[in-house]
Amino acid sequence: MNEAGFPIPRTPEGRVASPCINICRMHEATGFCEGCARTITEIAGWGQAGDAERIRILRLLPQRRTELQSHGLLPSQDLLP
């Protein structure tokens, strides 16, 4: 296992990959993307974020996905990185 405690998808260049699954709609009540569970600020800053910041964000996503699922909005976990 790695420093995050879960598998980290990587780009071909070795950077931490985006969790985007091309379902890009912001959920008004939570402020999270309905596809990847990031905030708009996190999405906008992803390209400039270092790997440590990307991992920090990835660690937040499971709890956010649970919150989105409670609203009936998140796709099957099988589709998520």
PDB file of N, CA and C in Angstrom:
ATOM      1  N   MET A   1       0.853  -1.178   0.000  1.00  0.00           N
ATOM      2  CA  MET A   1       0.000   0.000   0.000  1.00  0.00           C
ATOM      3  C   MET A   1       0.900   1.243   0.000  1.00  0.00           C
ATOM      4  N   ASN A   2       0.346   2.352  -0.369  1.00  0.00           N
ATOM      5  CA  ASN A   2       1.117   3.587  -0.492  1.00  0.00           C
ATOM      6  C   ASN A   2       0.788   4.541   0.653  1.00  0.00           C
ATOM      7  N   GLU A   3       1.320   5.765   0.554  1.00  0.00           N
ATOM      8  CA  GLU A   3       1.129   6.753   1.622  1.00  0.00           C
ATOM      9  C   GLU A   3      -0.325   7.169   1.817  1.00  0.00           C
ATOM     10  N   ALA A   4      -1.164   6.972   0.816  1.00  0.00           N
ATOM     11  CA  ALA A   4      -2.576   7.353   0.938  1.00  0.00           C
ATOM     12  C   ALA A   4      -3.396   6.279   1.641  1.00  0.00           C
ATOM     13  N   GLY A   5      -2.909   5.043   1.628  1.00  0.00           N
ATOM     14  CA  GLY A   5      -3.661   3.954   2.242  1.00  0.00           C
ATOM     15  C   GLY A   5      -4.653   3.303   1.300  1.00  0.00           C
ATOM     16  N   PHE A   6      -4.636   3.692   0.024  1.00  0.00           N
ATOM     17  CA  PHE A   6      -5.504   3.107  -0.991  1.00  0.00           C
ATOM     18  C   PHE A   6      -4.806   3.259  -2.332  1.00  0.00           C
ATOM     19  N   PRO A   7      -5.208   2.473  -3.338  1.00  0.00           N
ATOM     20  CA  PRO A   7      -4.555   2.583  -4.650  1.00  0.00           C
ATOM     21  C   PRO A   7      -4.743   3.982  -5.239  1.00  0.00           C
ATOM     22  N   ILE A   8      -3.670   4.536  -5.751  1.00  0.00           N
ATOM     23  CA  ILE A   8      -3.720   5.869  -6.354  1.00  0.00           C
ATOM     24  C   ILE A   8      -3.525   5.721  -7.858  1.00  0.00           C
ATOM     25  N   PRO A   9      -4.559   6.062  -8.635  1.00  0.00           N
ATOM     26  CA  PRO A   9      -4.376   6.015 -10.091  1.00  0.00           C
ATOM     27  C   PRO A   9      -3.377   7.074 -10.526  1.00  0.00           C
ATOM     28  N   ARG A  10      -2.538   6.734 -11.473  1.00  0.00           N
ATOM     29  CA  ARG A  10      -1.493   7.642 -11.955  1.00  0.00           C
ATOM     30  C   ARG A  10      -1.649   7.883 -13.448  1.00  0.00           C
ATOM     31  N   THR A  11      -1.215   9.054 -13.868  1.00  0.00           N
ATOM     32  CA  THR A  11      -1.166   9.376 -15.289  1.00  0.00           C
ATOM     33  C   THR A  11       0.041   8.670 -15.894  1.00  0.00           C
ATOM     34  N   PRO A  12       0.150   8.618 -17.221  1.00  0.00           N
ATOM     35  CA  PRO A  12       1.341   8.024 -17.838  1.00  0.00           C
ATOM     36  C   PRO A  12       2.635   8.720 -17.402  1.00  0.00           C
ATOM     37  N   GLU A  13       2.534   9.993 -17.005  1.00  0.00           N
ATOM     38  CA  GLU A  13       3.708  10.749 -16.548  1.00  0.00           C
ATOM     39  C   GLU A  13       4.030  10.489 -15.074  1.00  0.00           C
ATOM     40  N   GLY A  14       3.168   9.730 -14.387  1.00  0.00           N
ATOM     41  CA  GLY A  14       3.411   9.399 -12.996  1.00  0.00           C
ATOM     42  C   GLY A  14       2.724  10.305 -11.990  1.00  0.00           C
ATOM     43  N   ARG A  15       1.979  11.295 -12.436  1.00  0.00           N
ATOM     44  CA  ARG A  15       1.250  12.192 -11.528  1.00  0.00           C
ATOM     45  C   ARG A  15      -0.011  11.502 -11.019  1.00  0.00           C
ATOM     46  N   VAL A  16      -0.529  11.984  -9.907  1.00  0.00           N
ATOM     47  CA  VAL A  16      -1.801  11.472  -9.387  1.00  0.00           C
ATOM     48  C   VAL A  16      -2.900  11.870 -10.370  1.00  0.00           C
ATOM     49  N   ALA A  17      -3.660  10.888 -10.835  1.00  0.00           N
ATOM     50  CA  ALA A  17      -4.680  11.114 -11.860  1.00  0.00           C
ATOM     51  C   ALA A  17      -5.941  11.745 -11.271  1.00  0.00           C
ATOM     52  N   SER A  18      -6.643  12.460 -12.112  1.00  0.00           N
ATOM     53  CA  SER A  18      -7.910  13.079 -11.729  1.00  0.00           C
ATOM     54  C   SER A  18      -8.972  12.006 -11.510  1.00  0.00           C
ATOM     55  N   PRO A  19      -9.850  12.220 -10.529  1.00  0.00           N
ATOM     56  CA  PRO A  19     -10.953  11.288 -10.316  1.00  0.00           C
ATOM     57  C   PRO A  19     -12.153  11.567 -11.225  1.00  0.00           C
ATOM     58  N   CYS A  20     -12.015  12.485 -12.169  1.00  0.00           N
ATOM     59  CA  CYS A  20     -13.115  12.855 -13.063  1.00  0.00           C
ATOM     60  C   CYS A  20     -13.609  11.638 -13.846  1.00  0.00           C
ATOM     61  N   ILE A  21     -14.947  11.480 -13.898  1.00  0.00           N
ATOM     62  CA  ILE A  21     -15.552  10.405 -14.685  1.00  0.00           C
ATOM     63  C   ILE A  21     -16.486  10.986 -15.759  1.00  0.00           C
ATOM     64  N   ASN A  22     -16.280  12.256 -16.086  1.00  0.00           N
ATOM     65  CA  ASN A  22     -17.032  12.946 -17.144  1.00  0.00           C
ATOM     66  C   ASN A  22     -18.531  13.042 -16.880  1.00  0.00           C
ATOM     67  N   ILE A  23     -18.885  13.160 -15.604  1.00  0.00           N
ATOM     68  CA  ILE A  23     -20.248  13.522 -15.200  1.00  0.00           C
ATOM     69  C   ILE A  23     -20.069  14.819 -14.427  1.00  0.00           C
ATOM     70  N   CYS A  24     -20.107  15.920 -15.137  1.00  0.00           N
ATOM     71  CA  CYS A  24     -19.682  17.204 -14.582  1.00  0.00           C
ATOM     72  C   CYS A  24     -20.878  18.112 -14.316  1.00  0.00           C
ATOM     73  N   ARG A  25     -21.490  17.892 -13.161  1.00  0.00           N
ATOM     74  CA  ARG A  25     -22.608  18.723 -12.694  1.00  0.00           C
ATOM     75  C   ARG A  25     -22.381  18.992 -11.219  1.00  0.00           C
ATOM     76  N   MET A  26     -22.510  20.239 -10.829  1.00  0.00           N
ATOM     77  CA  MET A  26     -22.348  20.584  -9.426  1.00  0.00           C
ATOM     78  C   MET A  26     -23.681  20.409  -8.700  1.00  0.00           C
ATOM     79  N   HIS A  27     -23.634  19.701  -7.580  1.00  0.00           N
ATOM     80  CA  HIS A  27     -24.816  19.508  -6.749  1.00  0.00           C
ATOM     81  C   HIS A  27     -24.940  20.708  -5.820  1.00  0.00           C
ATOM     82  N   GLU A  28     -26.010  21.450  -5.989  1.00  0.00           N
ATOM     83  CA  GLU A  28     -26.163  22.722  -5.288  1.00  0.00           C
ATOM     84  C   GLU A  28     -26.133  22.566  -3.763  1.00  0.00           C
ATOM     85  N   ALA A  29     -26.796  21.569  -3.244  1.00  0.00           N
ATOM     86  CA  ALA A  29     -26.898  21.421  -1.785  1.00  0.00           C
ATOM     87  C   ALA A  29     -25.562  21.089  -1.127  1.00  0.00           C
ATOM     88  N   THR A  30     -24.737  20.291  -1.781  1.00  0.00           N
ATOM     89  CA  THR A  30     -23.466  19.881  -1.184  1.00  0.00           C
ATOM     90  C   THR A  30     -22.285  20.694  -1.687  1.00  0.00           C
ATOM     91  N   GLY A  31     -22.390  21.239  -2.893  1.00  0.00           N
ATOM     92  CA  GLY A  31     -21.260  21.935  -3.504  1.00  0.00           C
ATOM     93  C   GLY A  31     -20.250  20.990  -4.132  1.00  0.00           C
ATOM     94  N   PHE A  32     -20.618  19.707  -4.253  1.00  0.00           N
ATOM     95  CA  PHE A  32     -19.725  18.711  -4.840  1.00  0.00           C
ATOM     96  C   PHE A  32     -20.160  18.382  -6.262  1.00  0.00           C
ATOM     97  N   CYS A  33     -19.180  18.020  -7.089  1.00  0.00           N
ATOM     98  CA  CYS A  33     -19.487  17.524  -8.425  1.00  0.00           C
ATOM     99  C   CYS A  33     -20.205  16.181  -8.272  1.00  0.00           C
ATOM    100  N   GLU A  34     -21.271  15.993  -9.024  1.00  0.00           N
ATOM    101  CA  GLU A  34     -22.032  14.747  -8.943  1.00  0.00           C
ATOM    102  C   GLU A  34     -21.257  13.560  -9.498  1.00  0.00           C
ATOM    103  N   GLY A  35     -20.225  13.808 -10.287  1.00  0.00           N
ATOM    104  CA  GLY A  35     -19.424  12.719 -10.841  1.00  0.00           C
ATOM    105  C   GLY A  35     -18.225  12.348  -9.996  1.00  0.00           C
ATOM    106  N   CYS A  36     -17.416  13.351  -9.624  1.00  0.00           N
ATOM    107  CA  CYS A  36     -16.156  13.054  -8.935  1.00  0.00           C
ATOM    108  C   CYS A  36     -16.136  13.440  -7.465  1.00  0.00           C
ATOM    109  N   ALA A  37     -17.119  14.180  -7.004  1.00  0.00           N
ATOM    110  CA  ALA A  37     -17.258  14.586  -5.599  1.00  0.00           C
ATOM    111  C   ALA A  37     -16.258  15.654  -5.168  1.00  0.00           C
ATOM    112  N   ARG A  38     -15.616  16.318  -6.124  1.00  0.00           N
ATOM    113  CA  ARG A  38     -14.742  17.444  -5.768  1.00  0.00           C
ATOM    114  C   ARG A  38     -15.533  18.743  -5.793  1.00  0.00           C
ATOM    115  N   THR A  39     -14.996  19.764  -5.135  1.00  0.00           N
ATOM    116  CA  THR A  39     -15.586  21.100  -5.197  1.00  0.00           C
ATOM    117  C   THR A  39     -15.116  21.777  -6.472  1.00  0.00           C
ATOM    118  N   ILE A  40     -15.763  22.864  -6.856  1.00  0.00           N
ATOM    119  CA  ILE A  40     -15.361  23.578  -8.060  1.00  0.00           C
ATOM    120  C   ILE A  40     -13.942  24.132  -7.907  1.00  0.00           C
ATOM    121  N   THR A  41     -13.584  24.561  -6.703  1.00  0.00           N
ATOM    122  CA  THR A  41     -12.225  25.065  -6.450  1.00  0.00           C
ATOM    123  C   THR A  41     -11.198  23.957  -6.644  1.00  0.00           C
ATOM    124  N   GLU A  42     -11.505  22.755  -6.153  1.00  0.00           N
ATOM    125  CA  GLU A  42     -10.587  21.623  -6.313  1.00  0.00           C
ATOM    126  C   GLU A  42     -10.454  21.232  -7.780  1.00  0.00           C
ATOM    127  N   ILE A  43     -11.567  21.247  -8.503  1.00  0.00           N
ATOM    128  CA  ILE A  43     -11.536  20.908  -9.921  1.00  0.00           C
ATOM    129  C   ILE A  43     -10.688  21.922 -10.683  1.00  0.00           C
ATOM    130  N   ALA A  44     -10.932  23.205 -10.429  1.00  0.00           N
ATOM    131  CA  ALA A  44     -10.215  24.266 -11.138  1.00  0.00           C
ATOM    132  C   ALA A  44      -8.721  24.244 -10.833  1.00  0.00           C
ATOM    133  N   GLY A  45      -8.343  23.869  -9.628  1.00  0.00           N
ATOM    134  CA  GLY A  45      -6.940  23.888  -9.244  1.00  0.00           C
ATOM    135  C   GLY A  45      -6.196  22.587  -9.449  1.00  0.00           C
ATOM    136  N   TRP A  46      -6.884  21.551  -9.923  1.00  0.00           N
ATOM    137  CA  TRP A  46      -6.269  20.225 -10.033  1.00  0.00           C
ATOM    138  C   TRP A  46      -5.006  20.245 -10.895  1.00  0.00           C
ATOM    139  N   GLY A  47      -5.030  20.920 -12.009  1.00  0.00           N
ATOM    140  CA  GLY A  47      -3.879  20.932 -12.918  1.00  0.00           C
ATOM    141  C   GLY A  47      -2.628  21.525 -12.303  1.00  0.00           C
ATOM    142  N   GLN A  48      -2.788  22.475 -11.397  1.00  0.00           N
ATOM    143  CA  GLN A  48      -1.647  23.118 -10.760  1.00  0.00           C
ATOM    144  C   GLN A  48      -1.281  22.471  -9.423  1.00  0.00           C
ATOM    145  N   ALA A  49      -2.146  21.608  -8.901  1.00  0.00           N
ATOM    146  CA  ALA A  49      -1.920  20.998  -7.584  1.00  0.00           C
ATOM    147  C   ALA A  49      -0.795  19.971  -7.648  1.00  0.00           C
ATOM    148  N   GLY A  50       0.000  19.949  -6.597  1.00  0.00           N
ATOM    149  CA  GLY A  50       1.030  18.928  -6.467  1.00  0.00           C
ATOM    150  C   GLY A  50       0.405  17.605  -6.057  1.00  0.00           C
ATOM    151  N   ASP A  51       1.186  16.540  -6.119  1.00  0.00           N
ATOM    152  CA  ASP A  51       0.652  15.228  -5.786  1.00  0.00           C
ATOM    153  C   ASP A  51       0.175  15.136  -4.339  1.00  0.00           C
ATOM    154  N   ALA A  52       0.838  15.788  -3.395  1.00  0.00           N
ATOM    155  CA  ALA A  52       0.402  15.743  -1.994  1.00  0.00           C
ATOM    156  C   ALA A  52      -0.994  16.352  -1.857  1.00  0.00           C
ATOM    157  N   GLU A  53      -1.240  17.466  -2.524  1.00  0.00           N
ATOM    158  CA  GLU A  53      -2.564  18.096  -2.477  1.00  0.00           C
ATOM    159  C   GLU A  53      -3.595  17.216  -3.163  1.00  0.00           C
ATOM    160  N   ARG A  54      -3.241  16.604  -4.271  1.00  0.00           N
ATOM    161  CA  ARG A  54      -4.165  15.715  -4.976  1.00  0.00           C
ATOM    162  C   ARG A  54      -4.548  14.531  -4.090  1.00  0.00           C
ATOM    163  N   ILE A  55      -3.566  13.962  -3.393  1.00  0.00           N
ATOM    164  CA  ILE A  55      -3.844  12.842  -2.492  1.00  0.00           C
ATOM    165  C   ILE A  55      -4.735  13.303  -1.342  1.00  0.00           C
ATOM    166  N   ARG A  56      -4.480  14.491  -0.821  1.00  0.00           N
ATOM    167  CA  ARG A  56      -5.328  15.033   0.251  1.00  0.00           C
ATOM    168  C   ARG A  56      -6.784  15.094  -0.206  1.00  0.00           C
ATOM    169  N   ILE A  57      -7.002  15.566  -1.432  1.00  0.00           N
ATOM    170  CA  ILE A  57      -8.357  15.657  -1.984  1.00  0.00           C
ATOM    171  C   ILE A  57      -8.946  14.263  -2.171  1.00  0.00           C
ATOM    172  N   LEU A  58      -8.173  13.347  -2.729  1.00  0.00           N
ATOM    173  CA  LEU A  58      -8.670  11.981  -2.940  1.00  0.00           C
ATOM    174  C   LEU A  58      -9.129  11.338  -1.637  1.00  0.00           C
ATOM    175  N   ARG A  59      -8.431  11.633  -0.545  1.00  0.00           N
ATOM    176  CA  ARG A  59      -8.811  11.072   0.761  1.00  0.00           C
ATOM    177  C   ARG A  59     -10.187  11.561   1.218  1.00  0.00           C
ATOM    178  N   LEU A  60     -10.602  12.738   0.756  1.00  0.00           N
ATOM    179  CA  LEU A  60     -11.896  13.306   1.146  1.00  0.00           C
ATOM    180  C   LEU A  60     -13.065  12.695   0.369  1.00  0.00           C
ATOM    181  N   LEU A  61     -12.780  12.103  -0.774  1.00  0.00           N
ATOM    182  CA  LEU A  61     -13.849  11.695  -1.687  1.00  0.00           C
ATOM    183  C   LEU A  61     -14.755  10.580  -1.178  1.00  0.00           C
ATOM    184  N   PRO A  62     -14.262   9.556  -0.473  1.00  0.00           N
ATOM    185  CA  PRO A  62     -15.192   8.513  -0.023  1.00  0.00           C
ATOM    186  C   PRO A  62     -16.340   9.056   0.834  1.00  0.00           C
ATOM    187  N   GLN A  63     -16.036   9.931   1.766  1.00  0.00           N
ATOM    188  CA  GLN A  63     -17.100  10.497   2.605  1.00  0.00           C
ATOM    189  C   GLN A  63     -18.039  11.367   1.774  1.00  0.00           C
ATOM    190  N   ARG A  64     -17.496  12.109   0.844  1.00  0.00           N
ATOM    191  CA  ARG A  64     -18.335  12.938  -0.030  1.00  0.00           C
ATOM    192  C   ARG A  64     -19.222  12.085  -0.918  1.00  0.00           C
ATOM    193  N   ARG A  65     -18.684  10.974  -1.423  1.00  0.00           N
ATOM    194  CA  ARG A  65     -19.491  10.079  -2.264  1.00  0.00           C
ATOM    195  C   ARG A  65     -20.653   9.499  -1.472  1.00  0.00           C
ATOM    196  N   THR A  66     -20.385   9.179  -0.212  1.00  0.00           N
ATOM    197  CA  THR A  66     -21.461   8.694   0.654  1.00  0.00           C
ATOM    198  C   THR A  66     -22.541   9.757   0.785  1.00  0.00           C
ATOM    199  N   GLU A  67     -22.129  11.005   0.965  1.00  0.00           N
ATOM    200  CA  GLU A  67     -23.103  12.090   1.074  1.00  0.00           C
ATOM    201  C   GLU A  67     -23.902  12.245  -0.223  1.00  0.00           C
ATOM    202  N   LEU A  68     -23.234  12.186  -1.358  1.00  0.00           N
ATOM    203  CA  LEU A  68     -23.937  12.285  -2.639  1.00  0.00           C
ATOM    204  C   LEU A  68     -24.882  11.102  -2.835  1.00  0.00           C
ATOM    205  N   GLN A  69     -24.452   9.908  -2.431  1.00  0.00           N
ATOM    206  CA  GLN A  69     -25.325   8.738  -2.545  1.00  0.00           C
ATOM    207  C   GLN A  69     -26.570   8.909  -1.691  1.00  0.00           C
ATOM    208  N   SER A  70     -26.440   9.559  -0.543  1.00  0.00           N
ATOM    209  CA  SER A  70     -27.606   9.774   0.318  1.00  0.00           C
ATOM    210  C   SER A  70     -28.628  10.693  -0.361  1.00  0.00           C
ATOM    211  N   HIS A  71     -28.170  11.459  -1.348  1.00  0.00           N
ATOM    212  CA  HIS A  71     -29.059  12.303  -2.147  1.00  0.00           C
ATOM    213  C   HIS A  71     -29.515  11.578  -3.416  1.00  0.00           C
ATOM    214  N   GLY A  72     -29.061  10.323  -3.583  1.00  0.00           N
ATOM    215  CA  GLY A  72     -29.440   9.538  -4.752  1.00  0.00           C
ATOM    216  C   GLY A  72     -28.785  10.002  -6.037  1.00  0.00           C
ATOM    217  N   LEU A  73     -27.579  10.577  -5.924  1.00  0.00           N
ATOM    218  CA  LEU A  73     -26.981  11.224  -7.100  1.00  0.00           C
ATOM    219  C   LEU A  73     -25.739  10.553  -7.674  1.00  0.00           C
ATOM    220  N   LEU A  74     -25.072   9.720  -6.938  1.00  0.00           N
ATOM    221  CA  LEU A  74     -23.784   9.216  -7.403  1.00  0.00           C
ATOM    222  C   LEU A  74     -23.956   7.930  -8.198  1.00  0.00           C
ATOM    223  N   PRO A  75     -23.229   7.795  -9.306  1.00  0.00           N
ATOM    224  CA  PRO A  75     -23.294   6.549 -10.078  1.00  0.00           C
ATOM    225  C   PRO A  75     -22.702   5.391  -9.280  1.00  0.00           C
ATOM    226  N   SER A  76     -22.883   4.223  -9.807  1.00  0.00           N
ATOM    227  CA  SER A  76     -22.364   3.007  -9.176  1.00  0.00           C
ATOM    228  C   SER A  76     -20.901   3.137  -8.864  1.00  0.00           C
ATOM    229  N   GLN A  77     -20.482   2.582  -7.722  1.00  0.00           N
ATOM    230  CA  GLN A  77     -19.066   2.586  -7.326  1.00  0.00           C
ATOM    231  C   GLN A  77     -18.201   1.884  -8.366  1.00  0.00           C
ATOM    232  N   ASP A  78     -18.784   1.003  -9.174  1.00  0.00           N
ATOM    233  CA  ASP A  78     -18.021   0.299 -10.198  1.00  0.00           C
ATOM    234  C   ASP A  78     -17.440   1.254 -11.223  1.00  0.00           C
ATOM    235  N   LEU A  79     -18.023   2.426 -11.385  1.00  0.00           N
ATOM    236  CA  LEU A  79     -17.545   3.386 -12.367  1.00  0.00           C
ATOM    237  C   LEU A  79     -16.456   4.308 -11.825  1.00  0.00           C
ATOM    238  N   LEU A  80     -16.244   4.284 -10.515  1.00  0.00           N
ATOM    239  CA  LEU A  80     -15.368   5.262  -9.898  1.00  0.00           C
ATOM    240  C   LEU A  80     -13.965   4.734  -9.727  1.00  0.00           C
ATOM    241  N   PRO A  81     -12.989   5.648  -9.857  1.00  0.00           N
ATOM    242  CA  PRO A  81     -11.591   5.250  -9.633  1.00  0.00           C
ATOM    243  C   PRO A  81     -11.330   4.977  -8.170  1.00  0.00           C
TER     244      PRO A  81
END
